[in-house]
Protein backbone atom coordinates (compact mmCIF):
# COMPACT_ATOMS: atom_id res chain seq x y z
CA MET A 1 -2.93 -19.57 21.37
CA ASN A 2 0.23 -17.57 21.41
CA ILE A 3 0.29 -14.16 21.86
CA ASN A 4 0.57 -12.77 18.40
CA LEU A 5 -1.94 -14.87 17.24
CA ARG A 6 -4.13 -13.78 19.64
CA PHE A 7 -3.10 -10.09 18.84
CA LEU A 8 -4.11 -10.50 14.90
CA TRP A 9 -7.69 -12.07 16.60
CA LEU A 10 -8.33 -8.62 18.58
CA LEU A 11 -7.60 -6.51 15.95
CA LEU A 12 -9.96 -8.54 13.79
CA GLY A 13 -12.66 -8.26 16.56
CA LEU A 14 -12.40 -4.64 16.81
CA SER A 15 -13.11 -4.53 13.43
CA CYS A 16 -16.92 -5.87 13.82
CA SER A 17 -17.16 -2.49 15.80
CA GLY A 18 -16.00 0.05 13.43
CA HIS A 19 -12.73 0.53 10.83
CA LEU A 20 -11.74 -3.21 9.65
CA ALA A 21 -13.65 -5.94 8.33
CA THR A 22 -11.37 -8.45 6.75
CA GLY A 23 -10.57 -11.85 5.94
CA GLN A 24 -7.47 -14.80 4.28
CA ARG A 25 -3.62 -15.35 3.92
CA PRO A 26 -0.55 -14.44 5.35
CA ALA A 27 2.58 -12.98 3.02
CA VAL A 28 5.00 -10.84 3.10
CA VAL A 29 4.37 -6.49 3.24
CA VAL A 30 7.31 -4.65 2.56
CA ILE A 31 7.34 -1.62 4.95
CA PRO A 32 7.76 1.46 2.53
CA PRO A 33 10.55 4.35 4.40
CA VAL A 34 7.41 6.95 4.72
CA ILE A 35 7.35 7.59 8.36
CA ALA A 36 4.35 9.14 9.90
CA PRO A 37 4.90 12.51 12.31
CA LEU A 38 4.90 11.59 15.24
CA PRO A 39 1.17 12.48 17.74
CA VAL A 40 0.64 15.66 18.95
CA ASP A 41 -1.34 14.84 22.84
CA GLU A 42 -3.89 18.41 21.99
CA LEU A 43 -3.52 20.82 19.17
CA VAL A 44 -5.74 23.61 18.77
CA ILE A 45 -6.73 25.34 15.09
CA ALA A 46 -7.53 28.55 15.98
CA ASN A 47 -9.70 30.87 14.04
CA VAL A 48 -10.49 28.30 11.27
CA ASN A 49 -13.59 28.74 8.72
CA VAL A 50 -15.43 25.47 10.20
CA VAL A 51 -17.55 23.78 7.29
CA ASN A 52 -20.32 22.20 8.53
CA VAL A 53 -21.67 19.62 5.64
CA ASP A 54 -24.81 18.24 7.24
CA LEU A 55 -25.92 22.03 6.76
CA GLY A 56 -23.29 23.28 3.95
CA GLU A 57 -22.44 26.02 6.04
CA ILE A 58 -19.16 27.53 7.58
CA GLU A 59 -18.93 28.70 10.80
CA PRO A 60 -16.58 31.29 10.89
CA HIS A 61 -13.86 32.34 13.53
CA ARG A 62 -13.65 28.85 15.54
CA ASN A 63 -10.57 27.28 17.51
CA VAL A 64 -10.94 23.43 16.79
CA VAL A 65 -9.69 21.95 19.88
CA LEU A 66 -7.99 18.25 18.93
CA ARG A 67 -6.70 16.17 21.89
CA ASP A 68 -5.70 12.49 21.69
CA GLY A 69 -6.48 11.57 18.10
CA PHE A 70 -10.10 13.59 18.92
CA ILE A 71 -12.19 16.64 18.39
CA VAL A 72 -13.01 17.85 21.91
CA SER A 73 -14.20 21.39 21.56
CA VAL A 74 -15.64 23.51 18.12
CA GLY A 75 -16.12 27.20 18.91
CA GLN A 76 -14.48 29.82 21.15
CA TRP A 77 -12.84 27.77 23.63
CA VAL A 78 -8.85 27.58 24.42
CA PRO A 79 -7.29 24.71 26.79
CA ALA A 80 -5.05 27.31 28.93
CA GLY A 81 -1.36 27.66 29.54
CA ARG A 82 0.97 29.10 26.32
CA GLY A 83 2.81 24.64 25.63
CA VAL A 84 -0.37 23.75 23.57
CA PRO A 85 0.37 23.62 20.07
CA THR A 86 -1.36 25.93 18.08
CA LEU A 87 -2.05 25.84 13.75
CA ASP A 88 -3.89 29.32 12.66
CA GLY A 89 -6.27 28.96 10.57
CA THR A 90 -7.32 32.71 9.71
CA GLY A 91 -8.33 32.51 6.79
CA LYS A 92 -8.87 29.33 6.21
CA TYR A 93 -11.45 25.89 5.85
CA LEU A 94 -11.56 22.71 7.92
CA VAL A 95 -13.22 19.56 6.29
CA PRO A 96 -13.67 16.21 7.74
CA GLY A 97 -11.13 14.09 6.14
CA LEU A 98 -12.47 12.72 2.80
CA TRP A 99 -14.03 8.86 2.19
CA ASP A 100 -12.88 7.12 -0.94
CA PHE A 101 -16.03 4.40 -0.59
CA HIS A 102 -14.64 2.29 -3.55
CA THR A 103 -10.95 1.43 -4.70
CA HIS A 104 -9.08 -1.67 -4.88
CA ALA A 105 -5.77 0.58 -2.99
CA LEU A 106 -5.11 -3.22 -1.01
CA ALA A 107 -5.18 -5.27 -4.17
CA SER A 108 -2.00 -6.31 -3.31
CA ALA A 109 1.11 -5.36 -0.66
CA ALA A 110 3.23 -3.46 -4.64
CA GLU A 111 -0.54 -1.60 -4.60
CA GLU A 112 -0.81 -0.21 -1.29
CA GLN A 113 2.62 1.03 -0.98
CA LEU A 114 2.24 3.19 -4.05
CA ALA A 115 -1.45 3.89 -3.06
CA LEU A 116 -1.58 4.57 0.65
CA PRO A 117 0.33 7.79 1.18
CA LEU A 118 -0.61 9.45 -2.19
CA TYR A 119 -4.47 9.28 0.13
CA VAL A 120 -3.50 11.15 2.52
CA ALA A 121 -1.12 13.48 0.46
CA HIS A 122 -5.11 14.22 -0.70
CA GLY A 123 -6.50 14.70 1.91
CA ILE A 124 -8.69 11.57 2.39
CA THR A 125 -7.80 10.17 5.07
CA SER A 126 -10.57 7.04 5.34
CA ILE A 127 -10.99 4.69 2.31
CA ARG A 128 -13.47 1.66 1.58
CA ASP A 129 -11.21 -1.13 -0.19
CA VAL A 130 -12.82 -3.69 -2.48
CA SER A 131 -9.94 -6.62 -2.71
CA ALA A 132 -10.60 -9.62 -1.48
CA ALA A 133 -8.50 -11.75 -2.13
CA ARG A 134 -5.65 -11.35 -0.21
CA PRO A 135 -4.57 -12.93 3.36
CA LEU A 136 -6.61 -12.06 6.56
CA ALA A 137 -3.22 -11.89 8.21
CA ASP A 138 -1.31 -9.68 5.48
CA LEU A 139 -4.22 -7.24 6.21
CA LEU A 140 -3.93 -7.28 9.75
CA ARG A 141 -0.51 -6.47 9.63
CA THR A 142 -1.23 -3.75 7.79
CA TYR A 143 -3.95 -2.19 9.44
CA GLN A 144 -1.57 -2.47 12.84
CA ALA A 145 1.18 -0.52 11.02
CA LEU A 146 -0.94 2.06 10.12
CA GLU A 147 -2.51 2.74 13.32
CA THR A 148 0.67 2.56 14.98
CA GLY A 149 2.07 4.71 12.42
CA GLU A 150 4.75 2.47 11.08
CA ARG A 151 3.27 3.64 8.25
CA VAL A 152 1.56 6.16 6.78
CA GLY A 153 -1.88 5.70 5.07
CA PRO A 154 -5.95 6.04 5.82
CA ARG A 155 -8.00 4.26 7.95
CA ILE A 156 -9.35 1.51 6.42
CA GLU A 157 -12.90 -0.21 5.86
CA LEU A 158 -12.83 -3.58 4.27
CA ALA A 159 -15.60 -4.46 2.20
CA GLY A 160 -15.69 -8.38 2.49
CA PRO A 161 -15.22 -11.05 -0.02
CA VAL A 162 -17.84 -11.03 -3.00
CA LEU A 163 -19.83 -13.98 -3.51
CA ASP A 164 -20.94 -14.55 -7.38
CA GLY A 165 -21.93 -17.47 -9.46
CA SER A 166 -18.19 -18.22 -10.48
CA ALA A 167 -17.66 -20.98 -9.67
CA ASP A 168 -13.88 -20.21 -8.05
CA ALA A 169 -12.37 -20.69 -4.75
CA SER A 170 -13.50 -17.52 -3.50
CA THR A 171 -17.07 -18.31 -3.42
CA SER A 172 -18.01 -22.26 -4.57
CA LEU A 173 -20.89 -21.05 -5.94
CA THR A 174 -21.93 -22.01 -9.33
CA LEU A 175 -24.42 -19.63 -12.04
CA THR A 176 -27.30 -21.78 -10.87
CA ALA A 177 -26.31 -22.12 -7.02
CA SER A 178 -29.24 -22.80 -4.52
CA ARG A 179 -30.64 -20.53 -1.63
CA ALA A 180 -29.31 -22.73 0.48
CA GLU A 181 -25.62 -22.92 -1.00
CA GLY A 182 -26.02 -19.06 -0.80
CA TYR A 183 -26.69 -18.91 2.05
CA ALA A 184 -24.01 -21.13 3.80
CA ARG A 185 -21.42 -19.92 2.18
CA ALA A 186 -22.25 -16.39 3.72
CA GLU A 187 -22.81 -18.47 6.46
CA ALA A 188 -19.12 -19.82 6.38
CA LEU A 189 -17.65 -16.32 5.86
CA MET A 190 -18.70 -14.94 8.54
CA ARG A 191 -17.91 -17.62 10.58
CA THR A 192 -14.58 -16.44 9.51
CA GLY A 193 -14.67 -13.01 10.69
CA TRP A 194 -15.79 -11.38 7.91
CA CYS A 195 -18.25 -8.47 9.14
CA SER A 196 -18.90 -7.01 5.96
CA LEU A 197 -20.14 -8.66 2.41
CA GLN A 198 -20.30 -8.13 -1.63
CA VAL A 199 -22.37 -9.81 -3.79
CA GLY A 200 -21.94 -9.89 -7.75
CA PRO A 201 -23.32 -9.49 -11.38
CA TYR A 202 -23.68 -13.48 -11.93
CA LEU A 203 -25.71 -14.49 -8.70
CA SER A 204 -28.87 -16.63 -8.96
CA PRO A 205 -31.65 -14.86 -7.25
CA GLU A 206 -32.55 -18.39 -5.67
CA ALA A 207 -28.06 -17.53 -4.36
CA PHE A 208 -28.91 -14.00 -3.50
CA ALA A 209 -31.67 -14.75 -1.48
CA GLY A 210 -30.08 -17.05 1.10
CA ILE A 211 -26.96 -14.61 0.94
CA ALA A 212 -29.00 -11.78 1.90
CA ALA A 213 -30.89 -13.51 4.45
CA ALA A 214 -27.35 -15.26 6.11
CA ALA A 215 -26.58 -11.42 6.00
CA ARG A 216 -29.49 -10.21 7.84
CA LEU A 217 -29.56 -12.86 10.29
CA GLY A 218 -25.70 -12.08 11.41
CA ARG A 219 -26.04 -8.18 11.21
CA VAL A 220 -23.40 -7.70 8.30
CA HIS A 221 -23.41 -5.28 5.80
CA LEU A 222 -24.71 -6.38 2.58
CA ALA A 223 -23.12 -4.84 -0.78
CA GLY A 224 -21.94 -5.00 -4.05
CA ALA A 225 -23.67 -4.69 -7.72
CA VAL A 226 -26.96 -6.22 -7.74
CA PRO A 227 -27.27 -9.67 -9.40
CA GLU A 228 -27.93 -9.12 -12.96
CA ALA A 229 -30.86 -11.72 -12.54
CA VAL A 230 -32.48 -9.68 -9.52
CA PRO A 231 -34.47 -6.85 -9.87
CA VAL A 232 -33.14 -3.38 -7.55
CA LEU A 233 -36.26 -2.79 -5.28
CA ASP A 234 -36.13 -6.77 -4.92
CA ALA A 235 -32.33 -6.33 -3.65
CA ILE A 236 -33.39 -3.26 -1.54
CA ALA A 237 -35.68 -5.01 -0.30
CA ALA A 238 -33.70 -8.28 0.76
CA GLY A 239 -31.92 -6.19 2.53
CA GLN A 240 -29.00 -4.50 -0.11
CA ARG A 241 -27.54 -1.68 1.93
CA SER A 242 -25.36 -0.25 -1.00
CA ILE A 243 -25.41 -0.58 -4.35
CA GLU A 244 -21.84 -0.09 -6.08
CA HIS A 245 -22.35 0.43 -9.58
CA ALA A 246 -25.28 2.84 -10.89
CA ASP A 247 -26.27 0.84 -14.61
CA LYS A 248 -28.58 -1.29 -12.91
CA LEU A 249 -29.92 1.29 -11.69
CA LEU A 250 -30.87 2.92 -14.67
CA MET A 251 -32.58 -0.33 -15.79
CA GLY A 252 -34.55 0.01 -12.63
CA CYS A 253 -35.66 3.34 -14.10
CA SER A 254 -37.31 1.49 -16.81
CA GLY A 255 -40.88 0.26 -17.90
CA HIS A 256 -39.41 -2.75 -19.28
CA GLU A 257 -37.26 -3.92 -16.09
CA ALA A 258 -39.17 -6.96 -15.47
CA GLU A 259 -38.23 -8.24 -19.00
CA LEU A 260 -34.33 -7.00 -19.14
CA VAL A 261 -34.54 -9.18 -16.16
CA ALA A 262 -35.93 -11.95 -16.72
CA ALA A 263 -33.82 -12.04 -20.41
CA ARG A 264 -30.71 -11.69 -18.49
CA ALA A 265 -32.15 -14.74 -15.64
CA THR A 266 -32.66 -16.94 -19.25
CA ALA A 267 -29.22 -16.22 -20.03
CA LEU A 268 -27.44 -17.28 -17.26
CA ALA A 269 -29.05 -20.39 -16.41
CA GLY A 270 -28.69 -21.49 -20.14
CA PRO A 271 -25.74 -22.43 -22.15
CA ARG A 272 -23.02 -20.23 -22.72
CA PRO A 273 -24.66 -17.97 -20.03
CA LEU A 274 -21.36 -15.29 -19.56
CA PRO A 275 -20.84 -14.31 -23.12
CA THR A 276 -24.69 -14.97 -23.63
CA LEU A 277 -25.33 -12.36 -20.81
CA GLN A 278 -23.12 -9.68 -22.02
CA ALA A 279 -24.12 -9.97 -25.84
CA GLY A 280 -27.97 -9.49 -24.06
CA ILE A 281 -26.62 -6.67 -22.01
CA LYS A 282 -24.83 -4.41 -24.64
CA ALA A 283 -28.40 -5.51 -26.77
CA GLN A 284 -31.04 -4.13 -24.20
CA GLN A 285 -29.38 -0.42 -23.83
CA LYS A 286 -31.52 0.76 -26.43
CA ASP A 287 -34.36 -0.63 -24.57
CA ILE A 288 -33.26 1.03 -21.68
CA VAL A 289 -33.02 4.60 -22.40
CA ALA A 290 -36.06 4.92 -24.80
CA SER A 291 -37.85 3.13 -22.34
CA PHE A 292 -36.89 5.22 -19.37
CA SER A 293 -39.56 6.49 -16.56
CA PRO A 294 -38.99 9.70 -14.25
CA SER A 295 -41.90 8.17 -12.45
CA ARG A 296 -40.55 4.82 -12.01
CA CYS A 297 -36.86 6.97 -10.95
CA ALA A 298 -38.81 8.64 -8.49
CA ALA A 299 -40.02 5.89 -6.98
CA LEU A 300 -37.06 4.24 -6.78
CA ALA A 301 -35.12 7.17 -5.03
CA GLN A 302 -37.87 6.81 -2.51
CA ALA A 303 -37.09 3.49 -1.76
CA LEU A 304 -33.75 4.33 -1.59
CA MET A 305 -34.03 6.44 1.24
CA GLU A 306 -36.58 4.91 3.26
CA SER A 307 -34.31 1.84 3.08
CA ARG A 308 -31.22 4.33 3.51
CA THR A 309 -29.13 2.04 0.66
CA ALA A 310 -26.00 4.21 -0.28
CA VAL A 311 -25.26 4.23 -4.17
CA MET A 312 -21.96 4.52 -5.09
CA THR A 313 -21.72 6.94 -7.92
CA GLY A 314 -18.76 5.92 -9.56
CA LEU A 315 -18.86 8.82 -12.95
CA VAL A 316 -15.13 8.70 -13.44
CA ALA A 317 -14.66 5.44 -14.15
CA HIS A 318 -17.12 5.93 -17.40
CA ASP A 319 -14.57 8.34 -18.24
CA PHE A 320 -12.38 5.84 -19.72
CA ASP A 321 -14.97 4.45 -22.11
CA LEU A 322 -15.97 7.98 -23.37
CA ARG A 323 -12.52 8.92 -24.38
CA HIS A 324 -11.87 11.61 -21.83
CA ASP A 325 -8.30 10.75 -20.79
CA PRO A 326 -6.13 12.25 -18.79
CA ALA A 327 -3.36 15.03 -20.23
CA PRO A 328 0.44 13.49 -20.98
CA GLU A 329 1.43 15.93 -18.93
CA ASP A 330 -0.86 15.09 -16.22
CA PRO A 331 1.38 15.23 -12.94
CA ARG A 332 -0.59 12.57 -11.10
CA LEU A 333 1.04 10.02 -13.92
CA ARG A 334 4.40 10.11 -12.57
CA SER A 335 2.84 7.96 -9.68
CA VAL A 336 1.65 5.64 -11.58
CA PRO A 337 4.54 2.75 -12.55
CA ALA A 338 5.56 3.12 -16.35
CA ASN A 339 4.49 -0.47 -17.00
CA VAL A 340 1.08 0.55 -16.32
CA ARG A 341 0.84 3.34 -17.98
CA ARG A 342 2.45 1.43 -21.02
CA GLN A 343 -0.50 -0.95 -20.08
CA TRP A 344 -3.04 1.79 -19.88
CA ALA A 345 -1.92 3.41 -23.53
CA GLN A 346 -2.17 -0.24 -25.28
CA ALA A 347 -5.91 -0.19 -23.47
CA ALA A 348 -6.88 3.04 -25.35
CA HIS A 349 -5.44 2.52 -28.42
CA ASP A 350 -7.52 -0.80 -28.38
CA ARG A 351 -10.49 0.81 -28.01
CA PRO A 352 -12.87 -0.32 -30.92
CA HIS A 353 -13.14 2.45 -33.57
CA LEU A 354 -17.45 3.63 -33.13
CA SER A 355 -19.25 5.44 -35.53
CA ALA A 356 -21.21 8.83 -34.82
CA SER A 357 -24.15 7.09 -34.06
CA ARG A 358 -22.86 4.64 -32.03
CA LEU A 359 -21.01 7.35 -29.68
CA THR A 360 -23.65 9.18 -29.94
CA LYS A 361 -25.43 6.12 -28.57
CA ILE A 362 -23.12 6.01 -25.99
CA HIS A 363 -23.47 9.73 -24.77
CA ALA A 364 -27.01 9.45 -25.18
CA ALA A 365 -27.37 6.66 -21.67
CA ASP A 366 -24.33 7.94 -20.34
CA SER A 367 -26.28 11.01 -19.88
CA LEU A 368 -29.37 9.21 -18.58
CA GLN A 369 -27.31 8.09 -16.32
CA ARG A 370 -25.51 11.37 -14.60
CA GLY A 371 -29.26 12.83 -14.67
CA MET A 372 -30.32 9.59 -12.66
CA VAL A 373 -27.63 10.22 -10.38
CA ALA A 374 -28.02 14.11 -10.10
CA THR A 375 -31.77 13.12 -9.07
CA PHE A 376 -31.31 10.92 -7.12
CA GLY A 377 -28.87 13.04 -4.99
CA LEU A 378 -31.76 16.52 -5.24
CA LEU A 379 -34.18 13.88 -3.95
CA GLY A 380 -32.20 12.76 -0.58
CA VAL A 381 -30.76 9.51 -1.70
CA ARG A 382 -27.60 9.02 -0.06
CA LEU A 383 -24.92 9.21 -2.10
CA VAL A 384 -21.33 8.25 -1.95
CA ALA A 385 -17.90 9.10 -4.10
CA GLY A 386 -15.92 6.35 -5.10
CA SER A 387 -12.80 6.66 -7.45
CA ASP A 388 -12.73 2.58 -8.47
CA ALA A 389 -9.13 2.92 -8.70
CA GLY A 390 -6.70 -0.05 -9.07
CA SER A 391 -9.62 -1.94 -10.52
CA GLY A 392 -7.55 -2.08 -13.97
CA THR A 393 -9.58 0.56 -15.41
CA PRO A 394 -7.26 2.98 -17.37
CA ASN A 395 -6.47 6.26 -16.43
CA LEU A 396 -7.57 6.42 -12.22
CA PHE A 397 -5.58 8.12 -9.86
CA TYR A 398 -5.63 6.65 -6.13
CA GLY A 399 -6.18 10.17 -4.44
CA GLY A 400 -6.36 12.20 -7.63
CA SER A 401 -9.67 10.54 -8.68
CA LEU A 402 -11.73 11.18 -5.46
CA HIS A 403 -11.33 14.97 -6.21
CA ASP A 404 -12.28 13.93 -9.82
CA GLU A 405 -15.20 12.50 -8.99
CA LEU A 406 -16.18 15.27 -6.62
CA GLU A 407 -15.69 17.60 -9.17
CA HIS A 408 -17.58 15.13 -11.61
CA LEU A 409 -20.74 15.42 -8.76
CA VAL A 410 -21.24 19.41 -9.14
CA ALA A 411 -20.95 19.15 -13.27
CA LEU A 412 -23.74 17.26 -12.63
CA GLY A 413 -25.76 19.82 -10.47
CA LEU A 414 -24.89 19.38 -7.16
CA THR A 415 -24.38 22.11 -5.27
CA PRO A 416 -20.50 21.78 -3.72
CA ALA A 417 -22.21 21.32 0.14
CA GLU A 418 -24.07 17.70 -2.09
CA ALA A 419 -21.04 16.83 -3.43
CA LEU A 420 -18.16 17.31 -0.23
CA ARG A 421 -21.77 15.16 1.88
CA ALA A 422 -20.60 12.49 -0.36
CA GLY A 423 -17.51 12.37 0.35
CA THR A 424 -17.23 12.82 3.94
CA ALA A 425 -20.66 12.36 5.95
CA ASN A 426 -22.13 9.99 3.95
CA PRO A 427 -19.70 7.33 3.61
CA ALA A 428 -18.96 7.83 7.27
CA MET A 429 -22.63 6.70 7.25
CA ALA A 430 -23.25 4.03 5.14
CA THR A 431 -20.21 2.06 6.98
CA GLY A 432 -21.38 2.69 10.46
CA HIS A 433 -19.24 5.85 11.37
CA GLY A 434 -21.90 8.12 11.47
CA PHE A 435 -20.85 9.25 14.72
CA ASP A 436 -17.44 8.89 14.60
CA SER A 437 -16.27 10.34 11.29
CA GLY A 438 -17.13 12.43 8.45
CA ARG A 439 -18.05 15.77 10.53
CA ILE A 440 -16.10 18.23 12.44
CA GLN A 441 -17.91 17.58 15.90
CA PRO A 442 -16.53 17.28 19.68
CA ALA A 443 -16.33 13.25 20.39
CA TYR A 444 -15.56 12.24 16.41
CA ALA A 445 -12.47 11.40 15.16
CA ALA A 446 -10.16 14.47 14.83
CA ASP A 447 -9.60 13.33 11.31
CA VAL A 448 -9.67 16.71 9.48
CA VAL A 449 -8.50 18.95 6.45
CA LEU A 450 -7.24 22.64 6.31
CA LEU A 451 -8.22 23.91 2.91
CA ASN A 452 -6.43 27.47 1.72
CA GLY A 453 -10.14 28.08 -0.22
CA ASN A 454 -13.70 27.61 0.67
CA PRO A 455 -14.92 24.13 -0.75
CA LEU A 456 -18.53 25.59 -0.97
CA ASP A 457 -17.79 27.86 -3.26
CA ASP A 458 -16.23 26.17 -5.49
CA ILE A 459 -15.52 22.45 -5.18
CA HIS A 460 -11.67 22.24 -6.98
CA ASN A 461 -10.87 23.67 -3.61
CA LEU A 462 -10.62 20.69 -2.05
CA ARG A 463 -7.37 20.35 -3.83
CA LEU A 464 -5.79 23.34 -2.16
CA ILE A 465 -4.53 21.39 1.18
CA GLU A 466 -2.61 23.39 3.90
CA ALA A 467 -2.86 20.27 6.19
CA VAL A 468 -3.93 17.04 7.28
CA VAL A 469 -4.69 16.02 10.62
CA LEU A 470 -4.73 12.03 10.78
CA ARG A 471 -4.87 9.49 13.68
CA GLY A 472 -3.72 12.37 15.86
CA ARG A 473 -0.82 13.12 13.30
CA LEU A 474 0.10 16.50 12.18
CA PHE A 475 1.12 16.41 8.05
CA SER A 476 2.45 19.66 7.18
CA MET A 477 2.45 21.04 3.74
CA THR A 478 5.75 19.90 3.85
CA ALA A 479 5.47 16.23 4.70
CA LEU A 480 2.00 15.91 2.15
CA ALA A 481 4.67 17.21 -1.07
CA GLY A 482 6.87 14.52 0.81
CA LEU A 483 4.29 11.43 0.77
CA ALA A 484 3.53 12.62 -2.82
CA ALA A 485 7.47 12.57 -3.61
CA GLU A 486 7.80 9.09 -1.75
CA ALA A 487 5.03 7.63 -4.29
CA GLU A 488 6.94 9.18 -7.51
CA GLN A 489 10.00 7.23 -6.11
CA GLU A 490 8.29 3.94 -5.50
CA ALA A 491 6.45 4.13 -8.68
CA ALA A 492 9.66 4.56 -10.34
CA ARG A 493 11.71 1.79 -8.03
CA GLN A 494 8.35 -0.71 -9.52
CA ALA A 495 8.87 -0.36 -12.64
CA VAL A 496 12.36 -0.95 -12.43
CA ALA A 497 11.84 -4.27 -10.25
CA THR A 498 9.20 -5.23 -13.25
CA HIS A 499 11.73 -4.59 -16.31
CA ALA A 500 14.39 -6.75 -14.65
CA ALA A 501 11.91 -9.55 -14.07
CA THR A 502 10.96 -9.63 -17.57
CA ALA A 503 14.19 -9.06 -19.01
CA ILE A 504 15.55 -12.32 -16.66
CA ARG A 505 12.50 -14.65 -17.72
């Protein structure tokens, strides 16, 4: 084996114990001109207010000592000598770097050039990316460039390929695939090096059971949407450890869940399965709302807690359907290529006109779902915040929409501390990083964000970023502004390139 190939597979092996779980083929990645600051061997953030995300409390006047990319001390001690760089934290607040648990930032080389610097500019130091169509070697090059500082971007956790009943090249499964077929396909993907798998909504119950069995045996993380033909408690019992769309959970709170799931399974097994299923789901919404059972919701919360299954909240992704659009002067739009902005505007224009009664029903269902999420949070379910940026849903911004999501959680009734956990410690634990990420404690990664306001008083203060430390590199406010400006320039460049390509055709 040649040295370069051996190095790529070494990186893949490291991914199974931590920050990467990827798979597939090579393509050219254009390196953007953003250069990371030089790493600092040692750094003291002095006299800072440390936010304890577990207790939801402030630990005042602490000296936080960072060395070689890790936190070595949180307290009063400082290293001896005058040569240690010091950042004055007086009157400021230190939080762990934020996580975006569900993003499509790596869907293409063009997307990642825009997205990755923006995440850092918004204090997001880790992302869990659900894109799975790109080649393994391509993703490994991105990972390597970020880890070495050749490029700027957050730590990457990849969710793995989506196993769904779509019979395409990525899954080779049909809507009626057997348990043996599901098991074999999952096993084949794990042999290629994937450390995590996602399930999709169109799996047969039998194929899902096979995939879940393979994941348990291979000790890989099973995540994604609960398949339409599978009851929620069955998915939890089978070992699904993160659920990434709350719609199916709301059905799990219905007293008619068994009948509703059976109808969806029948649709998938019949003629014209997908159109029939979609029409059936729409028709079921009224029944789901009317048959909502608080006691079933509490029982579901208990099952989620006992299994430590994470729930991705995904509130901000519903804003488009609820007609909550960004203002035309929203500065985040400058980081979106003009052609994409036009697509978003067209999608908004094409939204069907809804009667007042229909809008009332949509808002009632959404309100019930948001209430369910709030109940889960209050009962102790592990909520994890994700933006779904890059999914094709309009008006979702890399970096900025994660802040929107946390603010939505507080608007539901969660405390700022509970929302902050959904964006720090909870996603770290849900991805297997509970002992090295998501908290400000000795031996944890020194991925931290210095703020000019207390986020426990007001979650909006997470936007008041003074500095970010990531992989031992200090990004000042000026450097962060430079990352945002670079994203705007890249958006403009991509818009020009798209226009030129269209003109040539």
